[in-house]
C-alpha atoms as a PDB file:
ATOM      1  CA  MET A   1      -9.978 168.017-209.775  1.00  0.00           C
ATOM      2  CA  ALA A   2     -13.089 170.190-209.757  1.00  0.00           C
ATOM      3  CA  LYS A   3     -14.476 171.559-206.512  1.00  0.00           C
ATOM      4  CA  PRO A   4     -18.167 170.590-206.291  1.00  0.00           C
ATOM      5  CA  ALA A   5     -20.928 172.919-205.120  1.00  0.00           C
ATOM      6  CA  LEU A   6     -22.546 171.963-201.817  1.00  0.00           C
ATOM      7  CA  LYS A   7     -25.644 173.129-200.007  1.00  0.00           C
ATOM      8  CA  ALA A   8     -26.568 172.795-196.364  1.00  0.00           C
ATOM      9  CA  ALA A   9     -29.509 172.615-193.988  1.00  0.00           C
ATOM     10  CA  LEU A  10     -29.747 174.042-190.481  1.00  0.00           C
ATOM     11  CA  LEU A  11     -30.702 171.250-188.088  1.00  0.00           C
ATOM     12  CA  SER A  12     -30.694 173.307-184.887  1.00  0.00           C
ATOM     13  CA  PRO A  13     -33.445 175.815-183.977  1.00  0.00           C
ATOM     14  CA  GLN A  14     -33.803 178.917-186.131  1.00  0.00           C
ATOM     15  CA  ARG A  15     -31.872 181.731-184.430  1.00  0.00           C
ATOM     16  CA  VAL A  16     -29.052 184.166-185.066  1.00  0.00           C
ATOM     17  CA  LEU A  17     -25.924 182.211-185.937  1.00  0.00           C
ATOM     18  CA  GLY A  18     -22.832 182.935-183.905  1.00  0.00           C
ATOM     19  CA  GLU A  19     -24.252 182.914-180.385  1.00  0.00           C
ATOM     20  CA  HIS A  20     -23.521 179.182-180.097  1.00  0.00           C
ATOM     21  CA  PRO A  21     -20.490 177.178-181.271  1.00  0.00           C
ATOM     22  CA  LEU A  22     -20.803 175.966-184.872  1.00  0.00           C
ATOM     23  CA  LEU A  23     -21.010 172.219-185.526  1.00  0.00           C
ATOM     24  CA  VAL A  24     -20.840 171.052-189.153  1.00  0.00           C
ATOM     25  CA  VAL A  25     -21.976 167.484-189.897  1.00  0.00           C
ATOM     26  CA  GLY A  26     -21.405 165.432-193.041  1.00  0.00           C
ATOM     27  CA  PRO A  27     -23.227 162.481-194.625  1.00  0.00           C
ATOM     28  CA  SER A  28     -22.516 158.945-195.692  1.00  0.00           C
ATOM     29  CA  LEU A  29     -22.656 158.080-199.392  1.00  0.00           C
ATOM     30  CA  GLY A  30     -26.286 157.721-200.490  1.00  0.00           C
ATOM     31  CA  THR A  31     -27.785 159.488-197.471  1.00  0.00           C
ATOM     32  CA  SER A  32     -28.695 163.107-196.790  1.00  0.00           C
ATOM     33  CA  THR A  33     -29.001 165.495-193.861  1.00  0.00           C
ATOM     34  CA  ILE A  34     -31.750 163.155-192.565  1.00  0.00           C
ATOM     35  CA  LEU A  35     -28.919 160.994-191.209  1.00  0.00           C
ATOM     36  CA  TRP A  36     -28.183 163.639-188.568  1.00  0.00           C
ATOM     37  CA  ASN A  37     -31.699 164.727-187.562  1.00  0.00           C
ATOM     38  CA  ARG A  38     -31.924 162.781-184.313  1.00  0.00           C
ATOM     39  CA  THR A  39     -28.414 163.450-183.067  1.00  0.00           C
ATOM     40  CA  ALA A  40     -28.725 167.120-184.018  1.00  0.00           C
ATOM     41  CA  SER A  41     -31.949 167.452-182.036  1.00  0.00           C
ATOM     42  CA  LEU A  42     -30.014 166.377-178.929  1.00  0.00           C
ATOM     43  CA  LEU A  43     -27.208 168.873-179.536  1.00  0.00           C
ATOM     44  CA  GLY A  44     -29.109 171.737-181.137  1.00  0.00           C
ATOM     45  CA  ASN A  45     -29.856 173.723-177.990  1.00  0.00           C
ATOM     46  CA  ASP A  46     -26.147 174.227-177.351  1.00  0.00           C
ATOM     47  CA  PHE A  47     -24.650 174.182-180.841  1.00  0.00           C
ATOM     48  CA  ASP A  48     -25.579 175.623-184.237  1.00  0.00           C
ATOM     49  CA  VAL A  49     -25.770 172.408-186.283  1.00  0.00           C
ATOM     50  CA  VAL A  50     -25.292 172.770-190.040  1.00  0.00           C
ATOM     51  CA  ALA A  51     -25.528 169.607-192.174  1.00  0.00           C
ATOM     52  CA  TRP A  52     -24.257 169.444-195.748  1.00  0.00           C
ATOM     53  CA  ASP A  53     -25.295 167.131-198.562  1.00  0.00           C
ATOM     54  CA  LEU A  54     -23.012 165.361-201.008  1.00  0.00           C
ATOM     55  CA  PRO A  55     -23.208 166.438-204.664  1.00  0.00           C
ATOM     56  CA  GLY A  56     -26.455 165.220-206.228  1.00  0.00           C
ATOM     57  CA  HIS A  57     -27.817 164.155-202.828  1.00  0.00           C
ATOM     58  CA  GLY A  58     -30.466 165.969-200.804  1.00  0.00           C
ATOM     59  CA  VAL A  59     -30.360 169.707-201.508  1.00  0.00           C
ATOM     60  CA  SER A  60     -26.903 169.827-203.153  1.00  0.00           C
ATOM     61  CA  PRO A  61     -26.773 170.230-206.946  1.00  0.00           C
ATOM     62  CA  ALA A  62     -25.519 167.385-209.112  1.00  0.00           C
ATOM     63  CA  ALA A  63     -21.827 167.250-209.977  1.00  0.00           C
ATOM     64  CA  THR A  64     -20.879 167.692-213.616  1.00  0.00           C
ATOM     65  CA  GLU A  65     -17.284 166.447-213.346  1.00  0.00           C
ATOM     66  CA  ALA A  66     -15.025 164.337-211.178  1.00  0.00           C
ATOM     67  CA  PHE A  67     -13.809 165.447-207.748  1.00  0.00           C
ATOM     68  CA  ASP A  68     -11.725 163.904-204.987  1.00  0.00           C
ATOM     69  CA  VAL A  69     -12.223 163.854-201.219  1.00  0.00           C
ATOM     70  CA  ALA A  70      -9.793 166.744-200.767  1.00  0.00           C
ATOM     71  CA  ALA A  71     -11.999 168.832-203.072  1.00  0.00           C
ATOM     72  CA  LEU A  72     -15.019 167.912-200.934  1.00  0.00           C
ATOM     73  CA  ALA A  73     -13.150 169.250-197.899  1.00  0.00           C
ATOM     74  CA  ASP A  74     -12.378 172.479-199.790  1.00  0.00           C
ATOM     75  CA  ALA A  75     -16.051 172.737-200.745  1.00  0.00           C
ATOM     76  CA  VAL A  76     -17.116 172.346-197.109  1.00  0.00           C
ATOM     77  CA  VAL A  77     -14.847 175.239-196.114  1.00  0.00           C
ATOM     78  CA  ASP A  78     -16.298 177.362-198.935  1.00  0.00           C
ATOM     79  CA  LEU A  79     -19.807 176.469-197.776  1.00  0.00           C
ATOM     80  CA  ILE A  80     -19.061 177.510-194.196  1.00  0.00           C
ATOM     81  CA  ASP A  81     -17.447 180.725-195.401  1.00  0.00           C
ATOM     82  CA  SER A  82     -20.688 181.520-197.226  1.00  0.00           C
ATOM     83  CA  ILE A  83     -22.600 181.107-193.936  1.00  0.00           C
ATOM     84  CA  ALA A  84     -20.088 182.268-191.320  1.00  0.00           C
ATOM     85  CA  PRO A  85     -17.005 183.745-193.026  1.00  0.00           C
ATOM     86  CA  GLY A  86     -13.745 182.694-191.423  1.00  0.00           C
ATOM     87  CA  GLU A  87     -15.403 180.936-188.485  1.00  0.00           C
ATOM     88  CA  SER A  88     -13.775 177.982-186.792  1.00  0.00           C
ATOM     89  CA  PHE A  89     -16.066 174.985-186.360  1.00  0.00           C
ATOM     90  CA  HIS A  90     -16.460 171.528-184.913  1.00  0.00           C
ATOM     91  CA  TYR A  91     -16.870 168.818-187.533  1.00  0.00           C
ATOM     92  CA  ALA A  92     -18.442 165.363-187.498  1.00  0.00           C
ATOM     93  CA  GLY A  93     -18.945 163.089-190.496  1.00  0.00           C
ATOM     94  CA  VAL A  94     -20.004 159.542-191.325  1.00  0.00           C
ATOM     95  CA  SER A  95     -18.228 157.289-193.864  1.00  0.00           C
ATOM     96  CA  LEU A  96     -17.489 159.548-196.873  1.00  0.00           C
ATOM     97  CA  GLY A  97     -18.396 162.478-194.630  1.00  0.00           C
ATOM     98  CA  GLY A  98     -15.860 161.158-192.123  1.00  0.00           C
ATOM     99  CA  ALA A  99     -13.227 160.795-194.838  1.00  0.00           C
ATOM    100  CA  THR A 100     -13.933 164.424-195.707  1.00  0.00           C
ATOM    101  CA  GLY A 101     -13.355 165.234-192.036  1.00  0.00           C
ATOM    102  CA  LEU A 102      -9.927 163.612-192.146  1.00  0.00           C
ATOM    103  CA  GLN A 103      -9.082 165.727-195.188  1.00  0.00           C
ATOM    104  CA  LEU A 104     -10.294 168.806-193.310  1.00  0.00           C
ATOM    105  CA  GLY A 105      -7.978 167.891-190.450  1.00  0.00           C
ATOM    106  CA  ILE A 106      -5.052 167.382-192.821  1.00  0.00           C
ATOM    107  CA  LYS A 107      -5.636 170.381-195.097  1.00  0.00           C
ATOM    108  CA  HIS A 108      -7.714 172.863-193.075  1.00  0.00           C
ATOM    109  CA  GLY A 109      -6.822 172.031-189.494  1.00  0.00           C
ATOM    110  CA  GLU A 110      -6.625 175.706-188.556  1.00  0.00           C
ATOM    111  CA  ARG A 111     -10.388 175.988-189.124  1.00  0.00           C
ATOM    112  CA  LEU A 112     -11.333 173.018-186.918  1.00  0.00           C
ATOM    113  CA  LYS A 113     -12.041 173.035-183.186  1.00  0.00           C
ATOM    114  CA  SER A 114     -12.640 169.283-183.011  1.00  0.00           C
ATOM    115  CA  LEU A 115     -13.147 166.316-185.311  1.00  0.00           C
ATOM    116  CA  SER A 116     -15.501 163.340-184.901  1.00  0.00           C
ATOM    117  CA  VAL A 117     -14.892 160.661-187.544  1.00  0.00           C
ATOM    118  CA  GLN A 118     -17.695 158.099-187.537  1.00  0.00           C
ATOM    119  CA  CYS A 119     -17.995 154.736-189.317  1.00  0.00           C
ATOM    120  CA  SER A 120     -15.107 155.656-191.560  1.00  0.00           C
ATOM    121  CA  GLY A 121     -11.399 155.141-192.103  1.00  0.00           C
ATOM    122  CA  ALA A 122      -8.249 156.484-193.697  1.00  0.00           C
ATOM    123  CA  LYS A 123      -8.943 154.129-196.616  1.00  0.00           C
ATOM    124  CA  LEU A 124     -12.299 152.491-197.362  1.00  0.00           C
ATOM    125  CA  GLY A 125     -12.826 149.420-199.523  1.00  0.00           C
ATOM    126  CA  THR A 126     -10.777 148.724-202.635  1.00  0.00           C
ATOM    127  CA  PRO A 127     -10.341 150.893-205.725  1.00  0.00           C
ATOM    128  CA  GLU A 128     -11.669 148.014-207.858  1.00  0.00           C
ATOM    129  CA  GLY A 129     -14.806 147.664-205.751  1.00  0.00           C
ATOM    130  CA  TRP A 130     -15.605 151.381-205.850  1.00  0.00           C
ATOM    131  CA  LEU A 131     -14.970 151.680-209.581  1.00  0.00           C
ATOM    132  CA  GLU A 132     -17.188 148.672-210.249  1.00  0.00           C
ATOM    133  CA  ARG A 133     -19.948 150.227-208.144  1.00  0.00           C
ATOM    134  CA  ALA A 134     -19.569 153.538-209.984  1.00  0.00           C
ATOM    135  CA  GLU A 135     -20.041 151.806-213.331  1.00  0.00           C
ATOM    136  CA  THR A 136     -23.049 149.831-212.067  1.00  0.00           C
ATOM    137  CA  VAL A 137     -24.819 152.937-210.765  1.00  0.00           C
ATOM    138  CA  ARG A 138     -24.047 154.970-213.867  1.00  0.00           C
ATOM    139  CA  SER A 139     -25.704 152.348-216.046  1.00  0.00           C
ATOM    140  CA  GLN A 140     -28.527 151.177-213.759  1.00  0.00           C
ATOM    141  CA  GLY A 141     -29.216 154.071-211.362  1.00  0.00           C
ATOM    142  CA  THR A 142     -29.093 154.325-207.589  1.00  0.00           C
ATOM    143  CA  PRO A 143     -32.133 152.080-206.897  1.00  0.00           C
ATOM    144  CA  VAL A 144     -29.898 149.096-207.753  1.00  0.00           C
ATOM    145  CA  MET A 145     -27.983 149.852-204.536  1.00  0.00           C
ATOM    146  CA  ILE A 146     -30.942 149.822-202.140  1.00  0.00           C
ATOM    147  CA  GLN A 147     -30.916 146.177-201.074  1.00  0.00           C
ATOM    148  CA  GLY A 148     -27.157 146.020-200.511  1.00  0.00           C
ATOM    149  CA  SER A 149     -27.065 149.381-198.752  1.00  0.00           C
ATOM    150  CA  ALA A 150     -29.878 148.386-196.394  1.00  0.00           C
ATOM    151  CA  GLN A 151     -27.804 145.376-195.348  1.00  0.00           C
ATOM    152  CA  ARG A 152     -24.631 147.441-194.889  1.00  0.00           C
ATOM    153  CA  TRP A 153     -26.177 150.479-193.246  1.00  0.00           C
ATOM    154  CA  PHE A 154     -28.313 149.005-190.467  1.00  0.00           C
ATOM    155  CA  ALA A 155     -27.757 146.498-187.699  1.00  0.00           C
ATOM    156  CA  PRO A 156     -30.104 143.478-187.728  1.00  0.00           C
ATOM    157  CA  GLY A 157     -33.573 144.435-186.502  1.00  0.00           C
ATOM    158  CA  PHE A 158     -33.119 148.199-186.942  1.00  0.00           C
ATOM    159  CA  MET A 159     -35.389 148.455-189.992  1.00  0.00           C
ATOM    160  CA  ASP A 160     -38.153 146.634-188.102  1.00  0.00           C
ATOM    161  CA  ARG A 161     -37.759 148.905-185.056  1.00  0.00           C
ATOM    162  CA  GLU A 162     -37.400 152.134-187.058  1.00  0.00           C
ATOM    163  CA  PRO A 163     -39.281 151.647-190.334  1.00  0.00           C
ATOM    164  CA  GLU A 164     -39.912 155.346-190.965  1.00  0.00           C
ATOM    165  CA  LEU A 165     -36.324 156.510-190.476  1.00  0.00           C
ATOM    166  CA  SER A 166     -34.789 153.621-192.410  1.00  0.00           C
ATOM    167  CA  SER A 167     -37.280 154.192-195.241  1.00  0.00           C
ATOM    168  CA  ARG A 168     -36.437 157.907-195.429  1.00  0.00           C
ATOM    169  CA  LEU A 169     -32.725 157.143-195.609  1.00  0.00           C
ATOM    170  CA  LEU A 170     -33.221 154.565-198.362  1.00  0.00           C
ATOM    171  CA  HIS A 171     -35.432 157.016-200.259  1.00  0.00           C
ATOM    172  CA  ALA A 172     -32.560 159.524-200.131  1.00  0.00           C
ATOM    173  CA  LEU A 173     -30.411 156.884-201.831  1.00  0.00           C
ATOM    174  CA  ARG A 174     -33.081 156.177-204.441  1.00  0.00           C
ATOM    175  CA  ASP A 175     -33.414 159.889-205.211  1.00  0.00           C
ATOM    176  CA  ALA A 176     -29.675 160.630-205.465  1.00  0.00           C
ATOM    177  CA  ASP A 177     -28.285 161.606-208.862  1.00  0.00           C
ATOM    178  CA  ARG A 178     -26.677 158.508-210.373  1.00  0.00           C
ATOM    179  CA  PHE A 179     -23.748 160.369-211.917  1.00  0.00           C
ATOM    180  CA  SER A 180     -22.936 162.276-208.723  1.00  0.00           C
ATOM    181  CA  TYR A 181     -23.100 159.015-206.757  1.00  0.00           C
ATOM    182  CA  ALA A 182     -20.670 157.476-209.244  1.00  0.00           C
ATOM    183  CA  PHE A 183     -18.299 160.444-208.855  1.00  0.00           C
ATOM    184  CA  CYS A 184     -18.422 159.883-205.070  1.00  0.00           C
ATOM    185  CA  CYS A 185     -17.498 156.224-205.594  1.00  0.00           C
ATOM    186  CA  GLU A 186     -14.543 157.262-207.747  1.00  0.00           C
ATOM    187  CA  ALA A 187     -13.437 159.736-205.078  1.00  0.00           C
ATOM    188  CA  LEU A 188     -13.490 156.913-202.519  1.00  0.00           C
ATOM    189  CA  ALA A 189     -11.537 154.668-204.897  1.00  0.00           C
ATOM    190  CA  ALA A 190      -8.677 157.180-204.846  1.00  0.00           C
ATOM    191  CA  PHE A 191      -8.906 158.011-201.125  1.00  0.00           C
ATOM    192  CA  ASP A 192      -6.025 156.884-198.912  1.00  0.00           C
ATOM    193  CA  VAL A 193      -4.667 159.222-196.220  1.00  0.00           C
ATOM    194  CA  ARG A 194      -3.062 156.596-193.999  1.00  0.00           C
ATOM    195  CA  GLY A 195       0.316 158.234-194.488  1.00  0.00           C
ATOM    196  CA  GLU A 196      -1.011 161.703-193.591  1.00  0.00           C
ATOM    197  CA  LEU A 197      -2.844 161.005-190.314  1.00  0.00           C
ATOM    198  CA  GLY A 198       0.124 162.186-188.269  1.00  0.00           C
ATOM    199  CA  SER A 199      -0.394 165.747-189.515  1.00  0.00           C
ATOM    200  CA  ILE A 200      -3.816 166.033-187.803  1.00  0.00           C
ATOM    201  CA  ARG A 201      -3.535 168.164-184.663  1.00  0.00           C
ATOM    202  CA  VAL A 202      -7.178 168.879-183.862  1.00  0.00           C
ATOM    203  CA  PRO A 203      -8.722 166.885-180.956  1.00  0.00           C
ATOM    204  CA  THR A 204     -10.283 163.829-182.621  1.00  0.00           C
ATOM    205  CA  GLN A 205     -12.636 161.037-181.688  1.00  0.00           C
ATOM    206  CA  VAL A 206     -13.144 158.063-183.982  1.00  0.00           C
ATOM    207  CA  ILE A 207     -16.439 156.200-183.535  1.00  0.00           C
ATOM    208  CA  ALA A 208     -17.029 152.723-184.976  1.00  0.00           C
ATOM    209  CA  GLY A 209     -20.001 150.397-185.024  1.00  0.00           C
ATOM    210  CA  ALA A 210     -19.264 146.907-183.767  1.00  0.00           C
ATOM    211  CA  LEU A 211     -21.398 145.494-186.601  1.00  0.00           C
ATOM    212  CA  ASP A 212     -20.035 147.738-189.363  1.00  0.00           C
ATOM    213  CA  GLY A 213     -18.691 145.646-192.233  1.00  0.00           C
ATOM    214  CA  VAL A 214     -17.694 148.715-194.256  1.00  0.00           C
ATOM    215  CA  ALA A 215     -15.557 150.450-191.619  1.00  0.00           C
ATOM    216  CA  PRO A 216     -14.992 147.981-188.768  1.00  0.00           C
ATOM    217  CA  PRO A 217     -13.559 149.021-185.375  1.00  0.00           C
ATOM    218  CA  SER A 218     -10.034 148.199-186.573  1.00  0.00           C
ATOM    219  CA  PHE A 219     -10.329 151.148-188.999  1.00  0.00           C
ATOM    220  CA  ALA A 220     -11.141 153.516-186.132  1.00  0.00           C
ATOM    221  CA  GLU A 221      -8.214 152.203-184.130  1.00  0.00           C
ATOM    222  CA  GLU A 222      -5.917 152.685-187.132  1.00  0.00           C
ATOM    223  CA  VAL A 223      -7.013 156.321-187.531  1.00  0.00           C
ATOM    224  CA  ALA A 224      -6.612 157.102-183.824  1.00  0.00           C
ATOM    225  CA  ALA A 225      -3.195 155.406-183.717  1.00  0.00           C
ATOM    226  CA  GLY A 226      -2.022 157.294-186.802  1.00  0.00           C
ATOM    227  CA  ILE A 227      -3.014 160.645-185.309  1.00  0.00           C
ATOM    228  CA  THR A 228      -1.480 159.966-181.898  1.00  0.00           C
ATOM    229  CA  ALA A 229       1.734 158.668-183.487  1.00  0.00           C
ATOM    230  CA  GLY A 230       2.183 162.117-185.006  1.00  0.00           C
ATOM    231  CA  GLY A 231       1.682 163.812-181.654  1.00  0.00           C
ATOM    232  CA  GLY A 232      -2.029 164.526-181.974  1.00  0.00           C
ATOM    233  CA  THR A 233      -4.862 163.678-179.584  1.00  0.00           C
ATOM    234  CA  ALA A 234      -7.313 160.971-180.675  1.00  0.00           C
ATOM    235  CA  THR A 235      -9.449 158.254-179.110  1.00  0.00           C
ATOM    236  CA  ALA A 236     -11.322 155.344-180.699  1.00  0.00           C
ATOM    237  CA  VAL A 237     -14.717 154.162-179.419  1.00  0.00           C
ATOM    238  CA  THR A 238     -16.791 151.164-180.547  1.00  0.00           C
ATOM    239  CA  LEU A 239     -20.592 151.194-180.216  1.00  0.00           C
ATOM    240  CA  GLU A 240     -22.180 147.798-179.644  1.00  0.00           C
ATOM    241  CA  GLY A 241     -25.190 146.863-181.793  1.00  0.00           C
ATOM    242  CA  VAL A 242     -24.434 149.560-184.366  1.00  0.00           C
ATOM    243  CA  ALA A 243     -23.592 149.096-188.054  1.00  0.00           C
ATOM    244  CA  HIS A 244     -22.663 151.858-190.527  1.00  0.00           C
ATOM    245  CA  LEU A 245     -24.919 154.835-189.699  1.00  0.00           C
ATOM    246  CA  ALA A 246     -24.167 155.574-186.054  1.00  0.00           C
ATOM    247  CA  PRO A 247     -25.982 158.970-185.751  1.00  0.00           C
ATOM    248  CA  ALA A 248     -29.213 157.373-186.982  1.00  0.00           C
ATOM    249  CA  GLU A 249     -28.844 154.056-185.157  1.00  0.00           C
ATOM    250  CA  ALA A 250     -27.588 155.328-181.783  1.00  0.00           C
ATOM    251  CA  PRO A 251     -28.319 159.070-181.623  1.00  0.00           C
ATOM    252  CA  ALA A 252     -28.244 159.369-177.832  1.00  0.00           C
ATOM    253  CA  HIS A 253     -24.909 157.588-177.512  1.00  0.00           C
ATOM    254  CA  VAL A 254     -23.370 159.509-180.421  1.00  0.00           C
ATOM    255  CA  ALA A 255     -24.652 162.831-179.061  1.00  0.00           C
ATOM    256  CA  GLU A 256     -23.215 162.018-175.621  1.00  0.00           C
ATOM    257  CA  LEU A 257     -19.796 161.190-177.079  1.00  0.00           C
ATOM    258  CA  MET A 258     -19.814 164.269-179.290  1.00  0.00           C
ATOM    259  CA  ARG A 259     -20.923 166.554-176.463  1.00  0.00           C
ATOM    260  CA  GLY A 260     -17.989 165.359-174.381  1.00  0.00           C
ATOM    261  CA  LEU A 261     -15.526 166.101-177.194  1.00  0.00           C
ATOM    262  CA  LEU A 262     -17.069 169.430-178.153  1.00  0.00           C
ATOM    263  CA  SER A 263     -17.300 170.682-174.576  1.00  0.00           C
ATOM    264  CA  TRP A 264     -13.703 169.698-173.895  1.00  0.00           C
ATOM    265  CA  ALA A 265     -12.508 171.376-177.091  1.00  0.00           C
ATOM    266  CA  GLU A 266     -14.469 174.541-176.256  1.00  0.00           C
ATOM    267  CA  SER A 267     -12.987 174.749-172.751  1.00  0.00           C
ATOM    268  CA  ARG A 268      -9.537 174.020-174.155  1.00  0.00           C
ATOM    269  CA  GLY A 269      -9.954 176.878-176.619  1.00  0.00           C
ATOM    270  CA  ALA A 270     -11.153 179.232-173.899  1.00  0.00           C
ATOM    271  CA  ASN A 271      -8.111 178.416-171.795  1.00  0.00           C
ATOM    272  CA  ALA A 272      -5.622 178.572-174.647  1.00  0.00           C
END
C-alpha cells in the first residue's frame, strides 16, 4: 500500500514549538481541521495543537493510489517528524482519524504519550457498505454525500443552533477530492484491528456520542475492553446529546476529558 502525503495546520497560538506538549488531532472522513477548531481553542494555551487533513481534504494533496489505515498512521508519524523530528506526542482522532489513532497505538506506540479515540471503533461499518460508497462518490462526486452525512454527523437540532459551523463542515465535504474520499472508504472497508487492541499500551480514552449511529457507545466499550484485556489502560465515556463529531458538537466537554487524560499522561511521564 502507498503511504499518502499529509499536510497539517497549527490550531494553537503561533509560538516556538517545543515549549508545550504536542497534541496531534485527526479528522473524520469528509471533514477537515475545522472539526477541531473549537476544542483546540480550549486546549491551545497549554498544548501545541497540530491538526492534519486526510488525503484530498482540506490542505492535504489528493491521493493518487490506494492506501490503508496503517499507511495513514505511518504518514502521520512522517508528518510529525517533518515538524518536530522524533518527538513524542498526544494523539486524538475522530472516526477515521480515531481508527488511525488505534493504528498509531498498535504500530507506533513508542511515539505516543496518550490516545483519545473519538466516535470510532476497531471496525467501522461493513466492507460492502464502504465499497459501495466509494463507487458512488467516484462516479457522482462528494456532494452526493452531503444529505446523508449531515444526518449522521450531527445530533438533532445542532444544525439549527450552529448553522455556520455545520455549514463549514459540510462545505469541507463538498470540496473534498472524490477519488481521495473513495480511497478513504476503501481503507475503512479493510480496517479491522479488533484482534490487535491488546497490544496498545499507551493510556487511552475512548469517547462515544450517545446518538452516534456510525460508532455507537458499544464500539467505544469494545475498544476499551480490548485494550484493558491486554494489560493496557483504557476508559470509555459516552457523551449525551452528541452524534458523530464530538469535538465540534461538545467542544467544552471533549476538551475537559482530553485535558484530564493529557495532564495525567504528562505527570505519569514526568514521574516515570
